[in-house]
Amino acid sequence: GMWDKSANGSHEVRGKTLGIIGYGNIGSQLSVLAEALGMRVMFYDLEEKLALGNAQRCETLNELLEQSDIVTLHVDGRKSNTGFFGEDQFAHMKQDSIFLNLSRGFVADLGALKQHLDSGHIAGAAVDVFPVEPKKTGDPFETALADEDNMILTPHIGGSTLEAQESIGHFVSQRLEDYWEKGSTSLSVNMPQINLSENRGVARIAHLHSNLPGVLARVNHVLGEENINIAAQALGTEGELGYVVTDVAQRPNRETLEALRSIEGTIRMRVIS
């Protein structure tokens, strides 16, 4: 019931520098939104990414950390990113900067974050993901960061809005249909990712196999034995798995299909008309 007309210690985001670590689907969208608010945007990514708007690419992570007023993490969930952002990275951030993690809980060292908040080096932080999270609503949740006054903690619910849930339903259904109809594994979490267009041949052969040397050559050799021309072909590997999709100019006979299934390392093969 108090009228608190005070903004002590508050700042506008306009004119501030936002450092985006991980310039993928989410990081690049954030880049556009931040510029619309009048922010200067810098980003760092291991892969070569096309900058949107006036965003500037940093050659090193430290270059970004030393210039950014706000640092936000949007890296993916690969195991190699475990502990990616720790004491050394926090130490390189500007005095009174702000830290955000909305990517994966295991990416940032929250103990190091707390130390830099307590020391006054970092002015504030917001964390949406945690190394260990409760399984369901209502479960107890404890974190040492809850004692920080300059901390915002959220329970990773951006995908739980009514609109997001409907979009997820359509999105997942479409990915399953793409796999069944085209053999496409785009955005798969447990198979090599191949994004395929329409079949450019008479039939499409999807061959999932162990990631062994020479499988692609053996697939092509078997097709060549029947004088089957290849219209298009794509190969992807991920860990122990390999996935090759081949569009062929004529449908292979039963013997050829059996020969493909008999290739060493074959896990599953199917023909998509």
Protein backbone atom coordinates (compact mmCIF):
# COMPACT_ATOMS: atom_id res chain seq x y z
CA GLY A 1 0.00 0.00 0.00
CA MET A 2 2.98 2.34 -0.29
CA TRP A 3 3.56 4.68 -3.27
CA ASP A 4 7.28 4.12 -3.87
CA LYS A 5 8.21 6.62 -6.57
CA SER A 6 11.91 5.74 -6.62
CA ALA A 7 14.25 4.27 -9.20
CA ASN A 8 17.52 4.43 -7.30
CA GLY A 9 20.11 2.16 -8.87
CA SER A 10 17.97 1.49 -11.94
CA HIS A 11 19.15 1.86 -15.53
CA GLU A 12 17.69 1.92 -19.02
CA VAL A 13 18.69 -0.90 -21.34
CA ARG A 14 18.91 1.59 -24.20
CA GLY A 15 22.56 2.29 -24.95
CA LYS A 16 23.82 -0.68 -22.97
CA THR A 17 25.90 -3.47 -24.52
CA LEU A 18 24.41 -6.96 -24.60
CA GLY A 19 26.83 -9.86 -25.03
CA ILE A 20 25.18 -12.99 -26.43
CA ILE A 21 27.10 -16.24 -26.02
CA GLY A 22 25.66 -18.75 -28.49
CA TYR A 23 24.23 -17.13 -31.63
CA GLY A 24 21.85 -19.88 -32.66
CA ASN A 25 18.07 -19.82 -33.10
CA ILE A 26 17.39 -18.17 -29.74
CA GLY A 27 20.50 -16.01 -29.45
CA SER A 28 19.98 -14.48 -32.89
CA GLN A 29 16.30 -13.73 -32.17
CA LEU A 30 17.32 -12.04 -28.93
CA SER A 31 19.83 -10.01 -30.92
CA VAL A 32 17.04 -8.51 -33.04
CA LEU A 33 14.84 -7.75 -30.00
CA ALA A 34 17.72 -6.14 -28.12
CA GLU A 35 18.57 -3.84 -31.02
CA ALA A 36 14.91 -2.80 -31.21
CA LEU A 37 15.28 -1.64 -27.60
CA GLY A 38 18.28 0.47 -28.53
CA MET A 39 21.00 -1.86 -27.28
CA ARG A 40 24.41 -2.46 -28.79
CA VAL A 41 24.75 -6.19 -29.47
CA MET A 42 27.89 -8.33 -29.50
CA PHE A 43 27.96 -12.11 -29.86
CA TYR A 44 30.36 -15.02 -29.63
CA ASP A 45 29.87 -18.43 -31.22
CA LEU A 46 32.24 -21.28 -32.05
CA GLU A 47 30.71 -21.56 -35.53
CA GLU A 48 30.72 -18.90 -38.21
CA LYS A 49 27.35 -17.14 -37.95
CA LEU A 50 25.90 -14.34 -40.04
CA ALA A 51 25.30 -11.27 -37.88
CA LEU A 52 21.77 -9.87 -37.88
CA GLY A 53 21.24 -6.12 -37.95
CA ASN A 54 24.19 -4.25 -36.46
CA ALA A 55 25.35 -7.06 -34.17
CA GLN A 56 29.13 -7.44 -33.94
CA ARG A 57 30.92 -10.77 -33.80
CA CYS A 58 33.66 -11.19 -31.18
CA GLU A 59 36.70 -13.28 -32.02
CA THR A 60 37.19 -14.42 -28.41
CA LEU A 61 34.91 -14.96 -25.44
CA ASN A 62 36.98 -12.62 -23.25
CA GLU A 63 36.55 -9.83 -25.80
CA LEU A 64 32.79 -10.09 -25.33
CA LEU A 65 32.95 -10.38 -21.53
CA GLU A 66 35.15 -7.33 -21.09
CA GLN A 67 32.81 -5.04 -23.09
CA SER A 68 29.31 -6.27 -22.18
CA ASP A 69 27.03 -4.64 -19.63
CA ILE A 70 24.81 -7.73 -19.74
CA VAL A 71 26.04 -11.24 -20.60
CA THR A 72 23.49 -13.88 -21.58
CA LEU A 73 24.10 -17.58 -22.27
CA HIS A 74 22.30 -19.37 -25.11
CA VAL A 75 24.61 -22.31 -25.86
CA ASP A 76 23.28 -25.78 -26.65
CA GLY A 77 23.14 -28.82 -24.41
CA ARG A 78 26.12 -30.79 -25.73
CA LYS A 79 28.13 -32.49 -22.97
CA SER A 80 31.26 -30.51 -23.84
CA ASN A 81 29.48 -27.37 -22.60
CA THR A 82 29.35 -28.69 -19.02
CA GLY A 83 30.95 -26.08 -16.76
CA PHE A 84 31.59 -23.88 -19.78
CA PHE A 85 31.07 -20.65 -17.83
CA GLY A 86 33.00 -20.66 -14.55
CA GLU A 87 35.25 -18.60 -12.31
CA ASP A 88 37.58 -17.44 -15.06
CA GLN A 89 34.71 -16.21 -17.22
CA PHE A 90 32.97 -14.39 -14.36
CA ALA A 91 36.29 -12.74 -13.47
CA HIS A 92 36.54 -11.29 -17.00
CA MET A 93 33.11 -9.63 -16.82
CA LYS A 94 32.87 -5.87 -16.36
CA GLN A 95 32.37 -4.35 -12.92
CA ASP A 96 28.63 -3.99 -12.15
CA SER A 97 27.62 -6.10 -15.16
CA ILE A 98 24.63 -8.45 -15.19
CA PHE A 99 24.62 -12.20 -15.89
CA LEU A 100 21.78 -14.25 -17.43
CA ASN A 101 21.58 -18.00 -18.04
CA LEU A 102 18.59 -19.30 -19.98
CA SER A 103 20.33 -22.19 -21.75
CA ARG A 104 21.20 -25.28 -19.66
CA GLY A 105 21.70 -25.66 -15.92
CA PHE A 106 25.02 -27.47 -16.18
CA VAL A 107 26.63 -24.76 -18.31
CA ALA A 108 27.31 -22.18 -15.57
CA ASP A 109 29.04 -22.56 -12.19
CA LEU A 110 26.44 -21.11 -9.82
CA GLY A 111 28.86 -21.23 -6.89
CA ALA A 112 31.22 -18.91 -8.74
CA LEU A 113 28.28 -16.69 -9.66
CA LYS A 114 27.29 -16.37 -5.99
CA GLN A 115 30.84 -15.35 -5.03
CA HIS A 116 30.89 -12.58 -7.62
CA LEU A 117 27.45 -11.37 -6.53
CA ASP A 118 28.54 -11.32 -2.87
CA SER A 119 31.75 -9.45 -3.68
CA GLY A 120 29.85 -6.75 -5.54
CA HIS A 121 31.65 -7.45 -8.80
CA ILE A 122 28.45 -8.51 -10.59
CA ALA A 123 25.48 -6.21 -10.01
CA GLY A 124 22.77 -8.80 -10.55
CA ALA A 125 21.80 -12.02 -12.25
CA ALA A 126 18.84 -14.00 -13.54
CA VAL A 127 18.87 -17.80 -13.82
CA ASP A 128 16.16 -19.88 -15.49
CA VAL A 129 17.89 -23.29 -15.46
CA PHE A 130 19.71 -25.21 -12.72
CA PRO A 131 22.10 -28.18 -12.47
CA VAL A 132 19.49 -30.14 -10.48
CA GLU A 133 15.80 -29.33 -10.89
CA PRO A 134 12.69 -30.80 -9.19
CA LYS A 135 10.71 -33.24 -11.30
CA LYS A 136 7.26 -31.74 -10.82
CA THR A 137 5.35 -28.70 -9.61
CA GLY A 138 5.22 -28.48 -5.82
CA ASP A 139 8.46 -30.35 -5.18
CA PRO A 140 10.88 -28.53 -2.83
CA PHE A 141 13.65 -26.53 -4.44
CA GLU A 142 16.74 -25.21 -2.73
CA THR A 143 19.57 -23.06 -4.08
CA ALA A 144 22.15 -20.89 -2.37
CA LEU A 145 21.24 -18.13 -4.82
CA ALA A 146 17.83 -17.71 -3.16
CA ASP A 147 19.49 -15.61 -0.44
CA GLU A 148 20.73 -13.02 -2.95
CA ASP A 149 18.78 -9.73 -3.08
CA ASN A 150 19.99 -8.96 -6.61
CA MET A 151 18.90 -12.30 -8.09
CA ILE A 152 15.92 -13.40 -10.19
CA LEU A 153 15.18 -17.15 -10.20
CA THR A 154 12.60 -18.59 -12.59
CA PRO A 155 11.51 -22.25 -13.04
CA HIS A 156 12.07 -22.68 -16.79
CA ILE A 157 8.42 -22.25 -17.79
CA GLY A 158 8.73 -20.27 -21.02
CA GLY A 159 7.51 -23.33 -22.92
CA SER A 160 4.50 -23.83 -20.63
CA THR A 161 2.27 -21.00 -21.84
CA LEU A 162 -0.92 -21.98 -23.65
CA GLU A 163 0.45 -20.60 -26.92
CA ALA A 164 3.80 -22.38 -26.55
CA GLN A 165 2.17 -25.72 -25.72
CA GLU A 166 -0.02 -25.51 -28.83
CA SER A 167 3.00 -24.59 -30.96
CA ILE A 168 5.02 -27.47 -29.49
CA GLY A 169 2.22 -29.90 -30.35
CA HIS A 170 2.20 -28.78 -33.98
CA PHE A 171 5.99 -28.67 -34.15
CA VAL A 172 6.60 -32.17 -32.75
CA SER A 173 3.87 -33.67 -34.92
CA GLN A 174 5.42 -32.10 -38.01
CA ARG A 175 8.89 -33.43 -37.14
CA LEU A 176 7.47 -36.96 -36.76
CA GLU A 177 5.63 -36.64 -40.07
CA ASP A 178 8.83 -35.41 -41.76
CA TYR A 179 10.69 -38.45 -40.47
CA TRP A 180 7.99 -40.89 -41.58
CA GLU A 181 7.29 -39.34 -44.97
CA LYS A 182 10.78 -38.06 -45.92
CA GLY A 183 13.26 -39.72 -43.57
CA SER A 184 14.23 -36.29 -42.25
CA THR A 185 15.76 -36.24 -38.76
CA SER A 186 15.98 -32.47 -38.35
CA LEU A 187 16.25 -31.48 -34.64
CA SER A 188 16.35 -35.11 -33.51
CA VAL A 189 17.93 -35.58 -30.08
CA ASN A 190 19.08 -39.19 -30.55
CA MET A 191 19.86 -39.58 -34.27
CA PRO A 192 22.19 -37.83 -36.71
CA GLN A 193 20.41 -34.72 -37.99
CA ILE A 194 19.62 -34.55 -41.69
CA ASN A 195 17.14 -32.01 -43.07
CA LEU A 196 15.71 -33.42 -46.30
CA SER A 197 13.60 -31.95 -49.09
CA GLU A 198 11.19 -33.89 -51.28
CA ASN A 199 12.38 -37.14 -52.85
CA ARG A 200 14.32 -36.39 -56.04
CA GLY A 201 14.20 -39.96 -57.30
CA VAL A 202 11.79 -42.87 -57.66
CA ALA A 203 12.47 -44.18 -54.17
CA ARG A 204 14.33 -43.04 -51.05
CA ILE A 205 16.45 -45.44 -48.99
CA ALA A 206 17.02 -44.53 -45.34
CA HIS A 207 19.88 -46.52 -43.82
CA LEU A 208 20.66 -46.21 -40.11
CA HIS A 209 23.90 -47.86 -39.09
CA SER A 210 26.74 -47.95 -36.59
CA ASN A 211 29.24 -45.18 -37.22
CA LEU A 212 31.83 -47.39 -38.94
CA PRO A 213 34.26 -46.47 -41.73
CA GLY A 214 33.21 -47.36 -45.27
CA VAL A 215 29.46 -47.87 -44.80
CA LEU A 216 28.58 -45.17 -47.32
CA ALA A 217 30.94 -46.70 -49.87
CA ARG A 218 29.36 -50.14 -49.37
CA VAL A 219 25.84 -48.72 -49.79
CA ASN A 220 26.87 -47.12 -53.08
CA HIS A 221 28.66 -50.29 -54.20
CA VAL A 222 25.53 -52.39 -53.64
CA LEU A 223 23.43 -49.91 -55.62
CA GLY A 224 26.04 -49.76 -58.37
CA GLU A 225 25.98 -53.55 -58.74
CA GLU A 226 22.36 -53.24 -59.91
CA ASN A 227 23.19 -50.21 -62.08
CA ILE A 228 20.96 -47.98 -59.95
CA ASN A 229 21.68 -44.29 -60.43
CA ILE A 230 21.81 -42.04 -57.35
CA ALA A 231 19.76 -38.84 -57.73
CA ALA A 232 20.70 -37.34 -54.33
CA GLN A 233 22.37 -38.47 -51.14
CA ALA A 234 22.94 -37.14 -47.61
CA LEU A 235 24.97 -38.53 -44.73
CA GLY A 236 25.06 -37.54 -41.08
CA THR A 237 26.86 -38.99 -38.07
CA GLU A 238 26.33 -38.47 -34.35
CA GLY A 239 28.37 -40.37 -31.80
CA GLU A 240 27.99 -44.09 -32.46
CA LEU A 241 25.35 -43.66 -35.17
CA GLY A 242 25.48 -42.94 -38.87
CA TYR A 243 22.50 -42.17 -41.11
CA VAL A 244 22.58 -42.08 -44.90
CA VAL A 245 19.57 -41.23 -47.07
CA THR A 246 19.78 -41.99 -50.78
CA ASP A 247 17.33 -41.02 -53.54
CA VAL A 248 17.57 -43.53 -56.37
CA ALA A 249 16.37 -43.41 -59.98
CA GLN A 250 14.73 -46.84 -59.82
CA ARG A 251 13.34 -49.00 -57.06
CA PRO A 252 15.84 -51.69 -55.97
CA ASN A 253 14.81 -55.33 -56.25
CA ARG A 254 14.49 -57.66 -53.27
CA GLU A 255 18.04 -58.98 -53.57
CA THR A 256 19.53 -55.48 -53.54
CA LEU A 257 17.48 -54.49 -50.49
CA GLU A 258 18.64 -57.60 -48.66
CA ALA A 259 22.23 -56.79 -49.58
CA LEU A 260 21.79 -53.31 -48.10
CA ARG A 261 20.35 -54.80 -44.91
CA SER A 262 23.29 -57.18 -44.73
CA ILE A 263 25.93 -54.44 -44.70
CA GLU A 264 28.01 -54.65 -41.54
CA GLY A 265 26.73 -52.29 -38.88
CA THR A 266 23.19 -51.92 -40.28
CA ILE A 267 20.69 -51.10 -37.54
CA ARG A 268 17.60 -50.30 -39.59
CA MET A 269 16.77 -49.74 -43.22
CA ARG A 270 13.54 -48.69 -44.90
CA VAL A 271 12.43 -47.64 -48.37
CA ILE A 272 10.30 -44.51 -48.70
CA SER A 273 8.41 -44.20 -51.98
